[in-house]
Amino acid sequence: MKADAWVDIGRLAQEVTEKRPQASYRVFESTATLYDVTYRAIVVHSSAHDKRRNNRIDRLLETHRRECEGIVKQASTPFFCRPDAEAAAEKLTACGSLYHRLEVDIEAVPRYPRGRPVKGTERTPERYEYILKTTIHEDPAAVEPLRAEAGCFVLLAPMEGEKETWSARELLSLYKDQNGIEKNFGFLKDPMIVNSLFLKKAERIEVLGLILLIALLIWRLMEHSMRRYLDTTKGTITGWEGRPTKKPTSFMMTTKFTSVLLVKTGSSRTLARPLKQV
């Protein structure tokens, strides 16, 4: 992929997500054929993904390096003949990891007999021991593709239909907006809800699904109404830990009612204490 093929579409984070306001995106568009069907293939490079995944790659490389260091440590025993040392060096060279290679040198270490040599005579080694000196090198051919692909992900779109005319920018924005949808339906995956379902008949499961969707609609409608009111009045409301917020959530507001007490006298009910302004 050539550098001039990338099209910088600017900083979309402010438009598609508020959590990563500094994220920038670059896209390259092509086509891909899967199972005899051709799709629009939009390769997106995200600066936010790039940083996070490069940190993951660093941890992966460190793990593999420690594995190599363990192998080198096991092979640190001296050898008493050079052929054995050469065989061990060849075996050790082949024991590199996916992302590291081992460079092994054989060093001959002289061993002298005990005692002080006779004055004026040259000290003669009794024998030689051979030690493997190993250097661990990161393999650029294996690591560079990981770095290049670190911040990339691919979006596939059909070649027909209304999305065929959408720009890569619009498709990326649509994809990023799915985050809000996933959060809306995330409660359905909560083990407290899933583990409490004991329905066997399909029609009962369907009815329960409808009830949950209506509940979600009301839940989000409450949130939308509160935020629209605060946006219109340019005001704030007390949120978590007493901090003012312009974007209250429905759950945040339902916690405000935990302190409400009702007193029932006969058929009448009254508040034990007045409601707070919130």
Protein backbone atom coordinates (compact mmCIF):
# COMPACT_ATOMS: atom_id res chain seq x y z
CA MET A 1 0.00 0.00 0.00
CA LYS A 2 1.63 3.25 -1.12
CA ALA A 3 1.73 6.23 1.18
CA ASP A 4 0.17 8.52 -1.43
CA ALA A 5 -2.79 6.11 -1.69
CA TRP A 6 -3.89 7.04 1.80
CA VAL A 7 -6.54 9.72 2.03
CA ASP A 8 -6.52 11.68 5.27
CA ILE A 9 -10.16 12.24 6.21
CA GLY A 10 -9.36 14.40 9.23
CA ARG A 11 -10.21 14.05 12.87
CA LEU A 12 -13.57 12.30 13.05
CA ALA A 13 -13.47 11.48 16.75
CA GLN A 14 -15.37 14.60 17.78
CA GLU A 15 -18.12 13.62 15.37
CA VAL A 16 -18.34 9.88 15.98
CA THR A 17 -17.15 9.44 19.57
CA GLU A 18 -16.45 11.63 22.54
CA LYS A 19 -14.13 9.22 24.30
CA ARG A 20 -11.20 9.67 21.93
CA PRO A 21 -11.23 13.32 20.84
CA GLN A 22 -7.62 13.13 19.60
CA ALA A 23 -8.02 10.06 17.40
CA SER A 24 -7.37 10.53 13.70
CA TYR A 25 -8.20 8.20 10.84
CA ARG A 26 -6.77 7.49 7.40
CA VAL A 27 -8.47 5.27 4.86
CA PHE A 28 -7.57 3.37 1.72
CA GLU A 29 -10.39 1.91 -0.37
CA SER A 30 -10.22 -1.13 -2.61
CA THR A 31 -12.34 -4.24 -3.33
CA ALA A 32 -12.27 -7.74 -1.89
CA THR A 33 -13.92 -10.96 -3.12
CA LEU A 34 -15.15 -13.42 -0.52
CA TYR A 35 -17.04 -16.56 -1.50
CA ASP A 36 -17.54 -15.22 -5.05
CA VAL A 37 -19.09 -11.99 -3.74
CA THR A 38 -17.30 -8.67 -4.27
CA TYR A 39 -17.31 -6.08 -1.47
CA ARG A 40 -15.98 -2.61 -0.94
CA ALA A 41 -12.94 -3.00 1.32
CA ILE A 42 -12.13 0.09 3.36
CA VAL A 43 -8.85 -0.20 5.26
CA VAL A 44 -8.89 2.24 8.17
CA HIS A 45 -5.85 3.27 10.17
CA SER A 46 -6.73 4.65 13.60
CA SER A 47 -4.15 6.52 15.66
CA ALA A 48 -5.92 5.38 18.84
CA HIS A 49 -5.80 1.71 17.76
CA ASP A 50 -2.19 2.17 16.67
CA LYS A 51 -1.03 3.28 20.12
CA ARG A 52 -3.03 0.66 22.03
CA ARG A 53 -2.05 -2.24 19.78
CA ASN A 54 1.61 -1.22 19.67
CA ASN A 55 1.63 -1.42 23.45
CA ARG A 56 0.19 -4.92 23.11
CA ILE A 57 2.90 -5.81 20.58
CA ASP A 58 5.57 -4.53 22.99
CA ARG A 59 4.23 -6.84 25.68
CA LEU A 60 4.12 -9.74 23.23
CA LEU A 61 7.72 -9.15 22.16
CA GLU A 62 8.84 -8.91 25.79
CA THR A 63 7.16 -12.24 26.55
CA HIS A 64 8.90 -13.94 23.61
CA ARG A 65 12.21 -12.37 24.59
CA ARG A 66 11.94 -13.77 28.11
CA GLU A 67 11.26 -17.21 26.61
CA CYS A 68 14.43 -16.88 24.54
CA GLU A 69 16.39 -15.79 27.62
CA GLY A 70 15.18 -18.92 29.41
CA ILE A 71 16.39 -21.11 26.54
CA VAL A 72 19.76 -19.33 26.52
CA LYS A 73 20.12 -19.78 30.27
CA GLN A 74 19.58 -23.53 29.96
CA ALA A 75 22.36 -23.70 27.36
CA SER A 76 24.90 -21.83 29.50
CA THR A 77 26.71 -25.02 30.61
CA PRO A 78 30.36 -25.13 29.41
CA PHE A 79 31.42 -27.84 26.93
CA PHE A 80 34.66 -29.80 27.08
CA CYS A 81 35.12 -30.23 23.34
CA ARG A 82 34.44 -27.92 20.41
CA PRO A 83 32.31 -30.35 18.34
CA ASP A 84 29.83 -30.61 21.23
CA ALA A 85 29.76 -26.83 21.53
CA GLU A 86 29.20 -26.43 17.77
CA ALA A 87 26.33 -28.94 17.83
CA ALA A 88 24.74 -27.14 20.77
CA ALA A 89 25.20 -23.76 19.04
CA GLU A 90 23.48 -25.03 15.89
CA LYS A 91 20.60 -26.40 17.95
CA LEU A 92 20.34 -23.16 19.97
CA THR A 93 20.30 -21.01 16.82
CA ALA A 94 17.22 -22.90 15.63
CA CYS A 95 15.42 -22.28 18.93
CA GLY A 96 14.55 -18.64 18.33
CA SER A 97 10.99 -17.38 18.76
CA LEU A 98 8.58 -16.12 16.12
CA TYR A 99 9.92 -12.60 16.53
CA HIS A 100 13.52 -13.13 17.67
CA ARG A 101 16.59 -14.86 16.29
CA LEU A 102 19.58 -16.04 18.27
CA GLU A 103 23.15 -15.30 17.24
CA VAL A 104 25.53 -17.76 18.89
CA ASP A 105 29.33 -17.47 19.14
CA ILE A 106 31.64 -20.05 20.69
CA GLU A 107 34.26 -18.73 23.09
CA ALA A 108 37.21 -20.90 24.11
CA VAL A 109 38.09 -20.37 27.77
CA PRO A 110 41.50 -21.70 28.94
CA ARG A 111 41.66 -23.63 32.19
CA TYR A 112 45.00 -23.71 33.98
CA PRO A 113 46.27 -26.24 36.52
CA ARG A 114 46.30 -25.35 40.19
CA GLY A 115 49.25 -23.66 41.74
CA ARG A 116 51.53 -20.80 40.85
CA PRO A 117 53.57 -21.25 37.66
CA VAL A 118 57.36 -21.41 37.79
CA LYS A 119 58.89 -17.99 37.65
CA GLY A 120 60.02 -17.03 34.17
CA THR A 121 57.96 -19.71 32.40
CA GLU A 122 54.85 -19.19 30.29
CA ARG A 123 51.67 -20.46 31.79
CA THR A 124 50.23 -23.31 29.72
CA PRO A 125 46.51 -24.16 29.74
CA GLU A 126 45.63 -27.60 30.98
CA ARG A 127 42.55 -27.73 28.80
CA TYR A 128 39.94 -25.54 27.10
CA GLU A 129 36.27 -25.20 27.86
CA TYR A 130 33.84 -23.85 25.30
CA ILE A 131 31.08 -21.44 26.28
CA LEU A 132 28.20 -20.27 24.11
CA LYS A 133 27.87 -16.49 23.89
CA THR A 134 24.34 -15.76 22.68
CA THR A 135 22.85 -12.46 21.52
CA ILE A 136 19.08 -12.08 21.08
CA HIS A 137 18.07 -9.98 18.08
CA GLU A 138 14.57 -8.81 17.22
CA ASP A 139 13.60 -10.07 13.77
CA PRO A 140 12.58 -7.02 11.67
CA ALA A 141 10.99 -9.20 8.97
CA ALA A 142 8.54 -10.58 11.54
CA VAL A 143 7.99 -7.47 13.66
CA GLU A 144 7.57 -4.79 10.98
CA PRO A 145 4.34 -6.31 9.55
CA LEU A 146 2.90 -6.35 13.07
CA ARG A 147 3.74 -2.66 13.51
CA ALA A 148 2.35 -1.78 10.09
CA GLU A 149 -0.95 -3.54 10.76
CA ALA A 150 -1.23 -2.42 14.39
CA GLY A 151 -3.69 0.42 13.89
CA CYS A 152 -5.56 -1.01 10.91
CA PHE A 153 -8.94 -2.63 10.61
CA VAL A 154 -11.05 -3.40 7.54
CA LEU A 155 -14.67 -2.47 6.89
CA LEU A 156 -16.58 -4.45 4.25
CA ALA A 157 -19.60 -2.95 2.52
CA PRO A 158 -21.77 -4.43 -0.27
CA MET A 159 -21.26 -3.18 -3.81
CA GLU A 160 -25.00 -2.73 -4.27
CA GLY A 161 -27.73 -0.89 -2.41
CA GLU A 162 -27.77 2.61 -0.98
CA LYS A 163 -24.40 2.20 0.78
CA GLU A 164 -22.71 1.75 -2.61
CA THR A 165 -22.75 5.54 -3.06
CA TRP A 166 -21.67 6.33 0.48
CA SER A 167 -18.22 7.78 0.94
CA ALA A 168 -15.62 6.05 3.08
CA ARG A 169 -16.06 8.84 5.63
CA GLU A 170 -19.79 8.15 5.95
CA LEU A 171 -19.29 4.40 6.29
CA LEU A 172 -16.66 4.91 8.98
CA SER A 173 -18.97 7.26 10.90
CA LEU A 174 -21.78 4.70 10.63
CA TYR A 175 -19.48 1.98 11.95
CA LYS A 176 -18.32 4.11 14.89
CA ASP A 177 -21.93 4.96 15.77
CA GLN A 178 -22.60 1.25 16.40
CA ASN A 179 -20.86 1.66 19.73
CA GLY A 180 -23.94 3.39 21.13
CA ILE A 181 -26.23 0.67 19.78
CA GLU A 182 -24.12 -2.07 21.37
CA LYS A 183 -24.27 -0.27 24.70
CA ASN A 184 -28.05 -0.08 24.47
CA PHE A 185 -28.42 -3.81 24.01
CA GLY A 186 -25.56 -4.75 26.31
CA PHE A 187 -27.95 -5.27 29.23
CA LEU A 188 -29.50 -8.24 27.39
CA LYS A 189 -26.13 -10.04 27.71
CA ASP A 190 -25.93 -9.43 31.44
CA PRO A 191 -25.69 -12.80 33.25
CA MET A 192 -28.24 -11.55 35.81
CA ILE A 193 -30.81 -11.35 33.03
CA VAL A 194 -29.73 -14.26 30.83
CA ASN A 195 -29.43 -16.68 33.77
CA SER A 196 -32.90 -15.73 34.99
CA LEU A 197 -34.73 -16.75 31.80
CA PHE A 198 -36.66 -19.99 32.12
CA LEU A 199 -38.90 -19.80 29.07
CA LYS A 200 -39.31 -22.73 26.69
CA LYS A 201 -42.02 -21.67 24.27
CA ALA A 202 -40.90 -19.50 21.37
CA GLU A 203 -43.90 -17.17 21.68
CA ARG A 204 -43.12 -16.45 25.34
CA ILE A 205 -39.50 -15.67 24.51
CA GLU A 206 -40.75 -13.36 21.77
CA VAL A 207 -43.09 -11.55 24.18
CA LEU A 208 -40.32 -11.16 26.75
CA GLY A 209 -38.04 -9.73 24.06
CA LEU A 210 -40.74 -7.19 23.18
CA ILE A 211 -41.11 -6.19 26.83
CA LEU A 212 -37.36 -5.71 27.16
CA LEU A 213 -37.26 -3.57 24.01
CA ILE A 214 -40.14 -1.41 25.28
CA ALA A 215 -38.34 -1.05 28.61
CA LEU A 216 -35.18 0.00 26.77
CA LEU A 217 -37.19 2.51 24.72
CA ILE A 218 -38.65 4.09 27.88
CA TRP A 219 -35.23 4.04 29.56
CA ARG A 220 -33.63 5.92 26.66
CA LEU A 221 -36.62 8.25 26.32
CA MET A 222 -36.15 9.33 29.94
CA GLU A 223 -32.50 10.02 29.23
CA HIS A 224 -33.26 11.89 26.01
CA SER A 225 -35.90 14.07 27.71
CA MET A 226 -33.57 15.04 30.55
CA ARG A 227 -30.71 15.91 28.24
CA ARG A 228 -32.94 17.87 25.86
CA TYR A 229 -34.33 19.87 28.81
CA LEU A 230 -30.82 20.66 30.11
CA ASP A 231 -29.68 21.58 26.61
CA THR A 232 -32.63 23.93 26.15
CA THR A 233 -32.26 25.60 29.54
CA LYS A 234 -28.42 25.62 29.36
CA GLY A 235 -28.38 24.14 32.84
CA THR A 236 -26.81 21.22 34.70
CA ILE A 237 -28.00 18.62 37.16
CA THR A 238 -26.28 16.90 40.06
CA GLY A 239 -24.73 13.65 38.87
CA TRP A 240 -22.30 11.18 40.37
CA GLU A 241 -20.53 12.24 43.57
CA GLY A 242 -22.35 15.55 43.60
CA ARG A 243 -20.70 16.77 40.41
CA PRO A 244 -22.80 18.81 37.93
CA THR A 245 -23.43 17.20 34.56
CA LYS A 246 -25.15 18.07 31.29
CA LYS A 247 -25.55 14.45 30.25
CA PRO A 248 -27.34 12.52 32.99
CA THR A 249 -28.14 8.85 32.45
CA SER A 250 -31.38 7.17 33.43
CA PHE A 251 -29.58 4.93 35.89
CA MET A 252 -27.92 7.96 37.46
CA MET A 253 -31.29 9.59 38.04
CA THR A 254 -33.01 6.45 39.37
CA THR A 255 -30.45 6.35 42.18
CA LYS A 256 -31.79 9.73 43.34
CA PHE A 257 -35.05 8.05 44.37
CA THR A 258 -33.47 5.57 46.78
CA SER A 259 -33.90 8.05 49.65
CA VAL A 260 -37.59 8.73 48.94
CA LEU A 261 -39.83 7.45 51.76
CA LEU A 262 -43.62 7.14 51.64
CA VAL A 263 -45.88 7.15 54.71
CA LYS A 264 -49.20 5.33 54.30
CA THR A 265 -52.08 6.31 56.55
CA GLY A 266 -55.26 4.44 55.76
CA SER A 267 -55.83 4.89 52.04
CA SER A 268 -53.68 8.01 51.75
CA ARG A 269 -49.97 8.16 51.11
CA THR A 270 -47.65 11.11 51.68
CA LEU A 271 -43.95 11.81 51.42
CA ALA A 272 -42.00 11.46 54.65
CA ARG A 273 -39.92 14.46 53.61
CA PRO A 274 -40.10 16.85 50.67
CA LEU A 275 -38.42 15.91 47.42
CA LYS A 276 -35.07 17.49 46.66
CA GLN A 277 -34.73 19.82 43.72
CA VAL A 278 -32.94 17.16 41.68
